[in-house]
Amino acid sequence: MKSRRILSIIGLILAAVLLLGIGFAIGRNEVQASVPDATDATDAAEDIVHTGDDVPALNLTVTRVGNTDSQIFSPEELGNNFNQGMSYCGVTDVSISLNSGDERLEDALENGDITEEEIFFRARQDARDGRCQETFETQHGVTFYNYHYPDYDLWLVYDVFNSPNGKAYPVSQLIVLRTTPDYRIHPSCLFTDPETGAFVNREDWGLTFELSDVTNHSATVTCTQSGGQQIGQLEVRCYTLYPDTKGIINPPKFETEIAMDGTCQFSVDWSDTYGDLPSGTYRLYLWVYDIYDESQLHPLMDDFQDWQMLDVELIIP
């Protein structure tokens, strides 16, 4: 299977992931199609699953697994659909039913049998026709659509993200997750530049990190902070490792204050979570939060990012 384990779905993550309305707006669908001739129209119609009302439906089937089981697919594995990737969380063997037969969703995307735009349209049409329930959340100007089906949920992003670096990035993402009251993914604007892979949501908090005393289960982190655009006290609250060979959903948590305009050290020990890791090159992702009083916020700072994920190279000898 063309997939690999992911670190976490933050709020992926889940991330996230989430991930989101180019050409779409809430309460409005605009679809344009060009049909050269009747033969092409007939051939195209045969590839669409229709409902009783002759409306395209998003027919997915999933196998529910444990909450810690997760997979991620890169845009290259999806026929360059979903430039922020596609993830499965708590589900596996995700298939889509087309008139040509059942096909794994990742394969259907890679083979061009369905596109990200079609998936988004069909999910929204399912909501209109009562086959699922649509809700949405907005973070930093990006809308995350949630589609609640009986056996699974979808988080879909199809939008433009205005980054702190002044650039605008079209972003699209899909997360398929199991439906359960105690399993919740919080959308997050952890988007990456498709060309460089760098996070595009980062703000300048004046932080640098260095690692020392590295073993296969721990490391010492030296953090230096100077200047920056943060408002209050910076804290590290958890971390993840990549590559993550165990599909950790809940990252190790701890609270460590960062010395402002100074240098501090703290240790991370992942032996209980990840175990002893083999030699190789990893990345340590630190979740840093800006802790401040609401009275310190200016009214025009409603899009302020109060946490971000910063990383440093980890080489295990």
C-alpha atoms as a PDB file:
ATOM      1  CA  MET A   1       0.000   0.000   0.000  1.00  0.00           C
ATOM      2  CA  LYS A   2       1.343   3.402  -0.942  1.00  0.00           C
ATOM      3  CA  SER A   3       1.211   4.900   2.521  1.00  0.00           C
ATOM      4  CA  ARG A   4       3.228   5.565   5.571  1.00  0.00           C
ATOM      5  CA  ARG A   5       2.614   6.101   9.260  1.00  0.00           C
ATOM      6  CA  ILE A   6       2.119   9.618  10.526  1.00  0.00           C
ATOM      7  CA  LEU A   7       3.259  11.270  13.700  1.00  0.00           C
ATOM      8  CA  SER A   8      -0.009  12.652  14.802  1.00  0.00           C
ATOM      9  CA  ILE A   9      -3.116  14.199  13.501  1.00  0.00           C
ATOM     10  CA  ILE A  10      -2.972  17.612  14.776  1.00  0.00           C
ATOM     11  CA  GLY A  11      -5.502  18.509  15.684  1.00  0.00           C
ATOM     12  CA  LEU A  12      -3.105  16.978  12.308  1.00  0.00           C
ATOM     13  CA  ILE A  13      -3.270  17.619  13.231  1.00  0.00           C
ATOM     14  CA  LEU A  14      -4.862  16.352  13.184  1.00  0.00           C
ATOM     15  CA  ALA A  15      -3.249  18.608  12.596  1.00  0.00           C
ATOM     16  CA  ALA A  16      -4.192  19.170  11.040  1.00  0.00           C
ATOM     17  CA  VAL A  17      -4.576  18.410   8.793  1.00  0.00           C
ATOM     18  CA  LEU A  18      -7.101  19.702   8.701  1.00  0.00           C
ATOM     19  CA  LEU A  19      -6.923  21.011   6.127  1.00  0.00           C
ATOM     20  CA  LEU A  20      -9.930  23.634   2.355  1.00  0.00           C
ATOM     21  CA  GLY A  21     -12.997  27.131  -0.686  1.00  0.00           C
ATOM     22  CA  ILE A  22     -11.354  27.937  -4.101  1.00  0.00           C
ATOM     23  CA  GLY A  23     -14.353  28.206  -6.337  1.00  0.00           C
ATOM     24  CA  PHE A  24     -16.615  27.223  -3.433  1.00  0.00           C
ATOM     25  CA  ALA A  25     -18.395  29.310  -0.787  1.00  0.00           C
ATOM     26  CA  ILE A  26     -20.671  28.307   2.053  1.00  0.00           C
ATOM     27  CA  GLY A  27     -24.191  27.798   0.778  1.00  0.00           C
ATOM     28  CA  ARG A  28     -23.149  28.022  -2.874  1.00  0.00           C
ATOM     29  CA  ASN A  29     -21.871  25.531  -5.445  1.00  0.00           C
ATOM     30  CA  GLU A  30     -20.664  26.498  -8.893  1.00  0.00           C
ATOM     31  CA  VAL A  31     -19.663  23.693 -11.256  1.00  0.00           C
ATOM     32  CA  GLN A  32     -18.661  24.290 -14.839  1.00  0.00           C
ATOM     33  CA  ALA A  33     -18.206  21.491 -17.339  1.00  0.00           C
ATOM     34  CA  SER A  34     -17.354  21.308 -21.003  1.00  0.00           C
ATOM     35  CA  VAL A  35     -18.987  18.507 -22.980  1.00  0.00           C
ATOM     36  CA  PRO A  36     -17.576  18.258 -26.512  1.00  0.00           C
ATOM     37  CA  ASP A  37     -20.250  15.897 -27.815  1.00  0.00           C
ATOM     38  CA  ALA A  38     -22.988  13.516 -26.755  1.00  0.00           C
ATOM     39  CA  THR A  39     -20.714  10.445 -26.917  1.00  0.00           C
ATOM     40  CA  ASP A  40     -18.231  11.957 -24.456  1.00  0.00           C
ATOM     41  CA  ALA A  41     -21.090  12.967 -22.166  1.00  0.00           C
ATOM     42  CA  THR A  42     -22.438   9.412 -22.167  1.00  0.00           C
ATOM     43  CA  ASP A  43     -19.024   7.916 -21.417  1.00  0.00           C
ATOM     44  CA  ALA A  44     -18.490  10.357 -18.548  1.00  0.00           C
ATOM     45  CA  ALA A  45     -21.911   9.601 -17.075  1.00  0.00           C
ATOM     46  CA  GLU A  46     -21.130   5.884 -16.936  1.00  0.00           C
ATOM     47  CA  ASP A  47     -18.258   6.574 -14.520  1.00  0.00           C
ATOM     48  CA  ILE A  48     -20.486   8.300 -11.954  1.00  0.00           C
ATOM     49  CA  VAL A  49     -22.482   6.552  -9.251  1.00  0.00           C
ATOM     50  CA  HIS A  50     -25.976   8.054  -9.162  1.00  0.00           C
ATOM     51  CA  THR A  51     -28.532   8.178  -6.409  1.00  0.00           C
ATOM     52  CA  GLY A  52     -32.219   7.694  -6.863  1.00  0.00           C
ATOM     53  CA  ASP A  53     -32.486  11.423  -7.582  1.00  0.00           C
ATOM     54  CA  ASP A  54     -29.779  11.179 -10.259  1.00  0.00           C
ATOM     55  CA  VAL A  55     -27.266  13.130  -8.112  1.00  0.00           C
ATOM     56  CA  PRO A  56     -23.608  12.053  -7.749  1.00  0.00           C
ATOM     57  CA  ALA A  57     -23.043  10.474  -4.325  1.00  0.00           C
ATOM     58  CA  LEU A  58     -19.805   9.976  -2.440  1.00  0.00           C
ATOM     59  CA  ASN A  59     -19.965   6.250  -1.721  1.00  0.00           C
ATOM     60  CA  LEU A  60     -17.109   5.357   0.627  1.00  0.00           C
ATOM     61  CA  THR A  61     -16.677   2.231   2.729  1.00  0.00           C
ATOM     62  CA  VAL A  62     -14.158   1.998   5.570  1.00  0.00           C
ATOM     63  CA  THR A  63     -12.851  -0.561   8.030  1.00  0.00           C
ATOM     64  CA  ARG A  64     -12.756   0.847  11.549  1.00  0.00           C
ATOM     65  CA  VAL A  65      -9.543   0.176  13.472  1.00  0.00           C
ATOM     66  CA  GLY A  66      -7.917   1.485  16.640  1.00  0.00           C
ATOM     67  CA  ASN A  67      -7.566   5.197  17.292  1.00  0.00           C
ATOM     68  CA  THR A  68      -3.772   4.974  17.051  1.00  0.00           C
ATOM     69  CA  ASP A  69      -3.854   3.465  13.545  1.00  0.00           C
ATOM     70  CA  SER A  70      -3.257   6.117  10.933  1.00  0.00           C
ATOM     71  CA  GLN A  71      -1.881   6.580   7.432  1.00  0.00           C
ATOM     72  CA  ILE A  72      -0.905   9.529   5.286  1.00  0.00           C
ATOM     73  CA  PHE A  73      -0.658   9.857   1.508  1.00  0.00           C
ATOM     74  CA  SER A  74       1.369  12.514  -0.250  1.00  0.00           C
ATOM     75  CA  PRO A  75       0.014  14.522  -3.206  1.00  0.00           C
ATOM     76  CA  GLU A  76       2.323  12.525  -5.492  1.00  0.00           C
ATOM     77  CA  GLU A  77       0.617   9.326  -4.363  1.00  0.00           C
ATOM     78  CA  LEU A  78      -2.784  10.870  -5.127  1.00  0.00           C
ATOM     79  CA  GLY A  79      -2.306  12.007  -8.711  1.00  0.00           C
ATOM     80  CA  ASN A  80      -1.357  15.483  -7.420  1.00  0.00           C
ATOM     81  CA  ASN A  81      -4.681  15.879  -5.660  1.00  0.00           C
ATOM     82  CA  PHE A  82      -4.843  17.361  -2.135  1.00  0.00           C
ATOM     83  CA  ASN A  83      -1.610  19.365  -2.002  1.00  0.00           C
ATOM     84  CA  GLN A  84      -1.595  19.051   1.812  1.00  0.00           C
ATOM     85  CA  GLY A  85      -2.042  15.278   1.661  1.00  0.00           C
ATOM     86  CA  MET A  86      -4.748  12.813   2.640  1.00  0.00           C
ATOM     87  CA  SER A  87      -4.897  10.960   5.971  1.00  0.00           C
ATOM     88  CA  TYR A  88      -6.782   8.027   7.461  1.00  0.00           C
ATOM     89  CA  CYS A  89      -7.261   8.122  11.239  1.00  0.00           C
ATOM     90  CA  GLY A  90      -8.827   5.186  13.015  1.00  0.00           C
ATOM     91  CA  VAL A  91      -9.898   3.711   9.665  1.00  0.00           C
ATOM     92  CA  THR A  92      -8.254   1.673   6.916  1.00  0.00           C
ATOM     93  CA  ASP A  93      -9.177  -0.017   3.618  1.00  0.00           C
ATOM     94  CA  VAL A  94     -11.041   3.098   2.448  1.00  0.00           C
ATOM     95  CA  SER A  95     -12.770   2.335  -0.851  1.00  0.00           C
ATOM     96  CA  ILE A  96     -14.943   4.336  -3.206  1.00  0.00           C
ATOM     97  CA  SER A  97     -17.720   2.787  -5.288  1.00  0.00           C
ATOM     98  CA  LEU A  98     -17.768   3.842  -8.937  1.00  0.00           C
ATOM     99  CA  ASN A  99     -19.766   2.291 -11.748  1.00  0.00           C
ATOM    100  CA  SER A 100     -16.522   0.682 -12.884  1.00  0.00           C
ATOM    101  CA  GLY A 101     -16.376  -1.097  -9.507  1.00  0.00           C
ATOM    102  CA  ASP A 102     -14.996  -0.583  -6.016  1.00  0.00           C
ATOM    103  CA  GLU A 103     -11.528   0.950  -5.830  1.00  0.00           C
ATOM    104  CA  ARG A 104      -9.260   2.035  -3.021  1.00  0.00           C
ATOM    105  CA  LEU A 105      -9.685   5.776  -2.614  1.00  0.00           C
ATOM    106  CA  GLU A 106      -5.978   6.500  -2.899  1.00  0.00           C
ATOM    107  CA  ASP A 107      -5.795   4.441  -6.092  1.00  0.00           C
ATOM    108  CA  ALA A 108      -8.852   6.131  -7.592  1.00  0.00           C
ATOM    109  CA  LEU A 109      -7.231   9.514  -7.006  1.00  0.00           C
ATOM    110  CA  GLU A 110      -3.871   8.401  -8.382  1.00  0.00           C
ATOM    111  CA  ASN A 111      -5.482   6.854 -11.466  1.00  0.00           C
ATOM    112  CA  GLY A 112      -7.586   9.928 -12.183  1.00  0.00           C
ATOM    113  CA  ASP A 113     -10.882   8.100 -11.634  1.00  0.00           C
ATOM    114  CA  ILE A 114     -11.942  10.857  -9.237  1.00  0.00           C
ATOM    115  CA  THR A 115     -10.517  14.255  -8.268  1.00  0.00           C
ATOM    116  CA  GLU A 116     -10.380  16.339  -5.103  1.00  0.00           C
ATOM    117  CA  GLU A 117     -12.962  18.715  -6.599  1.00  0.00           C
ATOM    118  CA  GLU A 118     -15.381  15.844  -7.254  1.00  0.00           C
ATOM    119  CA  ILE A 119     -14.978  14.531  -3.706  1.00  0.00           C
ATOM    120  CA  PHE A 120     -15.699  17.955  -2.233  1.00  0.00           C
ATOM    121  CA  PHE A 121     -18.701  18.470  -4.522  1.00  0.00           C
ATOM    122  CA  ARG A 122     -20.166  15.033  -3.817  1.00  0.00           C
ATOM    123  CA  ALA A 123     -19.775  15.435  -0.048  1.00  0.00           C
ATOM    124  CA  ARG A 124     -21.541  18.797  -0.170  1.00  0.00           C
ATOM    125  CA  GLN A 125     -24.273  17.314  -2.352  1.00  0.00           C
ATOM    126  CA  ASP A 126     -24.664  14.421   0.108  1.00  0.00           C
ATOM    127  CA  ALA A 127     -25.226  17.000   2.844  1.00  0.00           C
ATOM    128  CA  ARG A 128     -27.853  18.786   0.758  1.00  0.00           C
ATOM    129  CA  ASP A 129     -29.626  15.477   0.132  1.00  0.00           C
ATOM    130  CA  GLY A 130     -29.495  14.399   3.789  1.00  0.00           C
ATOM    131  CA  ARG A 131     -26.982  11.553   3.402  1.00  0.00           C
ATOM    132  CA  CYS A 132     -24.581  13.247   5.820  1.00  0.00           C
ATOM    133  CA  GLN A 133     -24.418  16.281   8.076  1.00  0.00           C
ATOM    134  CA  GLU A 134     -22.211  19.258   7.169  1.00  0.00           C
ATOM    135  CA  THR A 135     -20.594  21.536   9.741  1.00  0.00           C
ATOM    136  CA  PHE A 136     -17.584  23.803   9.473  1.00  0.00           C
ATOM    137  CA  GLU A 137     -14.967  25.690  11.459  1.00  0.00           C
ATOM    138  CA  THR A 138     -12.817  28.611  10.372  1.00  0.00           C
ATOM    139  CA  GLN A 139      -9.249  29.208  11.527  1.00  0.00           C
ATOM    140  CA  HIS A 140      -7.084  32.080  10.269  1.00  0.00           C
ATOM    141  CA  GLY A 141      -9.412  32.597   7.336  1.00  0.00           C
ATOM    142  CA  VAL A 142      -9.390  28.918   6.269  1.00  0.00           C
ATOM    143  CA  THR A 143     -12.644  26.946   6.385  1.00  0.00           C
ATOM    144  CA  PHE A 144     -12.538  23.298   7.493  1.00  0.00           C
ATOM    145  CA  TYR A 145     -15.630  21.358   6.396  1.00  0.00           C
ATOM    146  CA  ASN A 146     -16.738  18.328   8.392  1.00  0.00           C
ATOM    147  CA  TYR A 147     -19.065  15.737   6.839  1.00  0.00           C
ATOM    148  CA  HIS A 148     -20.543  13.305   9.338  1.00  0.00           C
ATOM    149  CA  TYR A 149     -21.573   9.969   7.820  1.00  0.00           C
ATOM    150  CA  PRO A 150     -22.900   6.989   9.828  1.00  0.00           C
ATOM    151  CA  ASP A 151     -19.583   5.055   9.744  1.00  0.00           C
ATOM    152  CA  TYR A 152     -16.972   7.777   9.332  1.00  0.00           C
ATOM    153  CA  ASP A 153     -16.301  11.495   9.209  1.00  0.00           C
ATOM    154  CA  LEU A 154     -14.561  13.573   6.553  1.00  0.00           C
ATOM    155  CA  TRP A 155     -12.559  16.737   7.154  1.00  0.00           C
ATOM    156  CA  LEU A 156     -12.131  18.623   3.882  1.00  0.00           C
ATOM    157  CA  VAL A 157     -10.159  21.766   3.146  1.00  0.00           C
ATOM    158  CA  TYR A 158     -10.338  23.608  -0.174  1.00  0.00           C
ATOM    159  CA  ASP A 159      -9.322  27.200   0.397  1.00  0.00           C
ATOM    160  CA  VAL A 160      -6.543  29.822   0.282  1.00  0.00           C
ATOM    161  CA  PHE A 161      -4.275  30.361   3.301  1.00  0.00           C
ATOM    162  CA  ASN A 162      -2.790  33.839   3.796  1.00  0.00           C
ATOM    163  CA  SER A 163       0.537  33.098   5.465  1.00  0.00           C
ATOM    164  CA  PRO A 164       2.343  35.350   7.965  1.00  0.00           C
ATOM    165  CA  ASN A 165       5.092  35.603   5.316  1.00  0.00           C
ATOM    166  CA  GLY A 166       2.711  37.651   3.161  1.00  0.00           C
ATOM    167  CA  LYS A 167       2.074  34.971   0.533  1.00  0.00           C
ATOM    168  CA  ALA A 168      -1.220  33.278  -0.341  1.00  0.00           C
ATOM    169  CA  TYR A 169      -1.212  29.489  -0.700  1.00  0.00           C
ATOM    170  CA  PRO A 170      -4.037  27.414  -2.218  1.00  0.00           C
ATOM    171  CA  VAL A 171      -4.523  24.513   0.196  1.00  0.00           C
ATOM    172  CA  SER A 172      -6.523  21.295  -0.115  1.00  0.00           C
ATOM    173  CA  GLN A 173      -6.607  18.380   2.302  1.00  0.00           C
ATOM    174  CA  LEU A 174      -8.729  15.346   3.194  1.00  0.00           C
ATOM    175  CA  ILE A 175      -8.888  13.441   6.477  1.00  0.00           C
ATOM    176  CA  VAL A 176     -11.050  10.313   6.795  1.00  0.00           C
ATOM    177  CA  LEU A 177     -11.583   9.330  10.424  1.00  0.00           C
ATOM    178  CA  ARG A 178     -13.645   6.977  12.489  1.00  0.00           C
ATOM    179  CA  THR A 179     -16.878   8.246  13.993  1.00  0.00           C
ATOM    180  CA  THR A 180     -16.868   8.027  17.781  1.00  0.00           C
ATOM    181  CA  PRO A 181     -17.799  10.531  20.509  1.00  0.00           C
ATOM    182  CA  ASP A 182     -14.388  10.315  22.206  1.00  0.00           C
ATOM    183  CA  TYR A 183     -12.319  10.691  19.037  1.00  0.00           C
ATOM    184  CA  ARG A 184     -11.993  14.318  17.998  1.00  0.00           C
ATOM    185  CA  ILE A 185      -9.668  15.960  15.511  1.00  0.00           C
ATOM    186  CA  HIS A 186      -9.097  19.668  15.909  1.00  0.00           C
ATOM    187  CA  PRO A 187      -8.434  21.444  12.603  1.00  0.00           C
ATOM    188  CA  SER A 188      -5.095  23.194  12.373  1.00  0.00           C
ATOM    189  CA  CYS A 189      -3.472  25.434   9.760  1.00  0.00           C
ATOM    190  CA  LEU A 190      -0.260  23.383   9.720  1.00  0.00           C
ATOM    191  CA  PHE A 191       0.200  23.789   6.004  1.00  0.00           C
ATOM    192  CA  THR A 192       3.389  23.295   4.026  1.00  0.00           C
ATOM    193  CA  ASP A 193       4.789  24.853   0.886  1.00  0.00           C
ATOM    194  CA  PRO A 194       4.287  22.187  -1.820  1.00  0.00           C
ATOM    195  CA  GLU A 195       7.634  23.119  -3.390  1.00  0.00           C
ATOM    196  CA  THR A 196       9.895  23.373  -0.330  1.00  0.00           C
ATOM    197  CA  GLY A 197       8.001  21.336   2.290  1.00  0.00           C
ATOM    198  CA  ALA A 198       8.492  24.157   4.826  1.00  0.00           C
ATOM    199  CA  PHE A 199       5.640  25.154   7.126  1.00  0.00           C
ATOM    200  CA  VAL A 200       3.994  28.334   5.830  1.00  0.00           C
ATOM    201  CA  ASN A 201       2.142  29.253   9.026  1.00  0.00           C
ATOM    202  CA  ARG A 202       5.201  30.056  11.131  1.00  0.00           C
ATOM    203  CA  GLU A 203       5.564  33.356  12.914  1.00  0.00           C
ATOM    204  CA  ASP A 204       8.825  34.826  14.115  1.00  0.00           C
ATOM    205  CA  TRP A 205       9.173  34.070  17.800  1.00  0.00           C
ATOM    206  CA  GLY A 206      12.957  34.493  17.833  1.00  0.00           C
ATOM    207  CA  LEU A 207      13.649  30.832  18.645  1.00  0.00           C
ATOM    208  CA  THR A 208      16.556  28.557  17.753  1.00  0.00           C
ATOM    209  CA  PHE A 209      17.092  24.970  18.953  1.00  0.00           C
ATOM    210  CA  GLU A 210      20.175  22.759  19.180  1.00  0.00           C
ATOM    211  CA  LEU A 211      20.440  19.126  20.296  1.00  0.00           C
ATOM    212  CA  SER A 212      23.154  17.435  22.336  1.00  0.00           C
ATOM    213  CA  ASP A 213      23.683  14.226  24.350  1.00  0.00           C
ATOM    214  CA  VAL A 214      21.608  12.335  21.796  1.00  0.00           C
ATOM    215  CA  THR A 215      20.891   8.659  22.460  1.00  0.00           C
ATOM    216  CA  ASN A 216      18.413   6.247  20.908  1.00  0.00           C
ATOM    217  CA  HIS A 217      15.804   7.227  23.515  1.00  0.00           C
ATOM    218  CA  SER A 218      16.548  10.811  24.613  1.00  0.00           C
ATOM    219  CA  ALA A 219      18.213  14.136  23.845  1.00  0.00           C
ATOM    220  CA  THR A 220      18.997  17.467  25.480  1.00  0.00           C
ATOM    221  CA  VAL A 221      17.501  20.537  23.828  1.00  0.00           C
ATOM    222  CA  THR A 222      19.197  23.942  24.090  1.00  0.00           C
ATOM    223  CA  CYS A 223      16.780  26.755  23.286  1.00  0.00           C
ATOM    224  CA  THR A 224      17.774  30.370  22.640  1.00  0.00           C
ATOM    225  CA  GLN A 225      15.148  33.115  22.415  1.00  0.00           C
ATOM    226  CA  SER A 226      15.747  36.695  21.251  1.00  0.00           C
ATOM    227  CA  GLY A 227      13.280  39.300  19.981  1.00  0.00           C
ATOM    228  CA  GLY A 228      10.333  37.893  18.046  1.00  0.00           C
ATOM    229  CA  GLN A 229       6.654  38.754  17.576  1.00  0.00           C
ATOM    230  CA  GLN A 230       5.190  36.732  20.431  1.00  0.00           C
ATOM    231  CA  ILE A 231       2.940  38.404  22.996  1.00  0.00           C
ATOM    232  CA  GLY A 232       3.573  36.579  26.270  1.00  0.00           C
ATOM    233  CA  GLN A 233       5.574  33.745  27.797  1.00  0.00           C
ATOM    234  CA  LEU A 234       6.612  30.927  25.437  1.00  0.00           C
ATOM    235  CA  GLU A 235       6.261  27.302  26.564  1.00  0.00           C
ATOM    236  CA  VAL A 236       7.021  23.901  25.035  1.00  0.00           C
ATOM    237  CA  ARG A 237       4.102  21.581  25.805  1.00  0.00           C
ATOM    238  CA  CYS A 238       4.684  18.417  23.771  1.00  0.00           C
ATOM    239  CA  TYR A 239       6.722  16.965  20.933  1.00  0.00           C
ATOM    240  CA  THR A 240       6.608  14.401  18.137  1.00  0.00           C
ATOM    241  CA  LEU A 241       9.234  12.583  16.111  1.00  0.00           C
ATOM    242  CA  TYR A 242       9.411  11.992  12.376  1.00  0.00           C
ATOM    243  CA  PRO A 243       9.616   9.452  10.847  1.00  0.00           C
ATOM    244  CA  ASP A 244       7.118   8.025  13.328  1.00  0.00           C
ATOM    245  CA  THR A 245       7.221   4.247  13.067  1.00  0.00           C
ATOM    246  CA  LYS A 246       4.406   3.692  15.583  1.00  0.00           C
ATOM    247  CA  GLY A 247       1.653   6.050  14.402  1.00  0.00           C
ATOM    248  CA  ILE A 248       1.518   8.028  17.647  1.00  0.00           C
ATOM    249  CA  ILE A 249      -1.757   9.962  17.867  1.00  0.00           C
ATOM    250  CA  ASN A 250      -1.260  11.482  21.322  1.00  0.00           C
ATOM    251  CA  PRO A 251       2.260  12.957  21.512  1.00  0.00           C
ATOM    252  CA  PRO A 252       4.287  13.005  24.750  1.00  0.00           C
ATOM    253  CA  LYS A 253       3.297  16.002  26.845  1.00  0.00           C
ATOM    254  CA  PHE A 254       5.267  18.174  29.238  1.00  0.00           C
ATOM    255  CA  GLU A 255       5.343  21.860  30.129  1.00  0.00           C
ATOM    256  CA  THR A 256       8.653  23.707  29.937  1.00  0.00           C
ATOM    257  CA  GLU A 257       8.930  27.478  30.060  1.00  0.00           C
ATOM    258  CA  ILE A 258      11.364  29.036  27.602  1.00  0.00           C
ATOM    259  CA  ALA A 259      13.765  31.657  28.959  1.00  0.00           C
ATOM    260  CA  MET A 260      12.787  34.890  27.249  1.00  0.00           C
ATOM    261  CA  ASP A 261      15.733  36.844  25.814  1.00  0.00           C
ATOM    262  CA  GLY A 262      18.005  34.086  27.041  1.00  0.00           C
ATOM    263  CA  THR A 263      19.017  30.416  26.813  1.00  0.00           C
ATOM    264  CA  CYS A 264      17.624  27.369  28.568  1.00  0.00           C
ATOM    265  CA  GLN A 265      17.945  23.578  28.377  1.00  0.00           C
ATOM    266  CA  PHE A 266      15.498  20.716  28.811  1.00  0.00           C
ATOM    267  CA  SER A 267      15.520  16.994  28.111  1.00  0.00           C
ATOM    268  CA  VAL A 268      13.144  14.867  26.064  1.00  0.00           C
ATOM    269  CA  ASP A 269      12.911  11.132  26.731  1.00  0.00           C
ATOM    270  CA  TRP A 270      10.746   9.162  24.313  1.00  0.00           C
ATOM    271  CA  SER A 271      11.518   5.678  25.634  1.00  0.00           C
ATOM    272  CA  ASP A 272       7.977   5.158  27.012  1.00  0.00           C
ATOM    273  CA  THR A 273       6.291   6.372  23.816  1.00  0.00           C
ATOM    274  CA  TYR A 274       8.487   5.511  20.845  1.00  0.00           C
ATOM    275  CA  GLY A 275      10.892   3.072  22.488  1.00  0.00           C
ATOM    276  CA  ASP A 276      14.545   2.823  21.479  1.00  0.00           C
ATOM    277  CA  LEU A 277      14.945   4.147  17.944  1.00  0.00           C
ATOM    278  CA  PRO A 278      17.426   2.754  15.431  1.00  0.00           C
ATOM    279  CA  SER A 279      20.291   4.888  14.164  1.00  0.00           C
ATOM    280  CA  GLY A 280      19.273   7.396  11.531  1.00  0.00           C
ATOM    281  CA  THR A 281      18.109  10.940  10.796  1.00  0.00           C
ATOM    282  CA  TYR A 282      14.843  12.153  12.312  1.00  0.00           C
ATOM    283  CA  ARG A 283      13.167  15.459  13.052  1.00  0.00           C
ATOM    284  CA  LEU A 284      12.083  16.512  16.524  1.00  0.00           C
ATOM    285  CA  TYR A 285       8.930  18.640  16.352  1.00  0.00           C
ATOM    286  CA  LEU A 286       8.357  20.859  19.393  1.00  0.00           C
ATOM    287  CA  TRP A 287       4.889  22.278  20.031  1.00  0.00           C
ATOM    288  CA  VAL A 288       5.469  25.815  21.318  1.00  0.00           C
ATOM    289  CA  TYR A 289       2.686  27.936  22.824  1.00  0.00           C
ATOM    290  CA  ASP A 290       2.475  31.671  23.468  1.00  0.00           C
ATOM    291  CA  ILE A 291       0.870  32.096  26.900  1.00  0.00           C
ATOM    292  CA  TYR A 292      -0.646  35.542  27.395  1.00  0.00           C
ATOM    293  CA  ASP A 293      -3.572  37.350  28.989  1.00  0.00           C
ATOM    294  CA  GLU A 294      -6.484  38.196  26.725  1.00  0.00           C
ATOM    295  CA  SER A 295      -6.126  41.852  27.754  1.00  0.00           C
ATOM    296  CA  GLN A 296      -2.792  41.923  25.899  1.00  0.00           C
ATOM    297  CA  LEU A 297      -4.493  41.266  22.551  1.00  0.00           C
ATOM    298  CA  HIS A 298      -5.244  44.145  20.219  1.00  0.00           C
ATOM    299  CA  PRO A 299      -8.773  43.949  18.696  1.00  0.00           C
ATOM    300  CA  LEU A 300      -7.268  43.601  15.218  1.00  0.00           C
ATOM    301  CA  MET A 301      -5.237  40.534  16.218  1.00  0.00           C
ATOM    302  CA  ASP A 302      -8.096  38.032  15.911  1.00  0.00           C
ATOM    303  CA  ASP A 303      -5.995  35.901  13.531  1.00  0.00           C
ATOM    304  CA  PHE A 304      -3.028  35.716  15.906  1.00  0.00           C
ATOM    305  CA  GLN A 305      -1.380  32.297  15.987  1.00  0.00           C
ATOM    306  CA  ASP A 306      -0.847  31.361  19.633  1.00  0.00           C
ATOM    307  CA  TRP A 307       0.956  28.068  18.993  1.00  0.00           C
ATOM    308  CA  GLN A 308       3.145  26.558  16.346  1.00  0.00           C
ATOM    309  CA  MET A 309       5.225  23.476  15.652  1.00  0.00           C
ATOM    310  CA  LEU A 310       8.974  24.096  15.328  1.00  0.00           C
ATOM    311  CA  ASP A 311      11.466  21.406  14.356  1.00  0.00           C
ATOM    312  CA  VAL A 312      15.138  20.549  14.603  1.00  0.00           C
ATOM    313  CA  GLU A 313      17.159  17.766  12.983  1.00  0.00           C
ATOM    314  CA  LEU A 314      17.751  14.757  15.231  1.00  0.00           C
ATOM    315  CA  ILE A 315      20.604  12.401  14.297  1.00  0.00           C
ATOM    316  CA  ILE A 316      20.760   9.197  16.340  1.00  0.00           C
ATOM    317  CA  PRO A 317      24.245   7.650  16.126  1.00  0.00           C
END
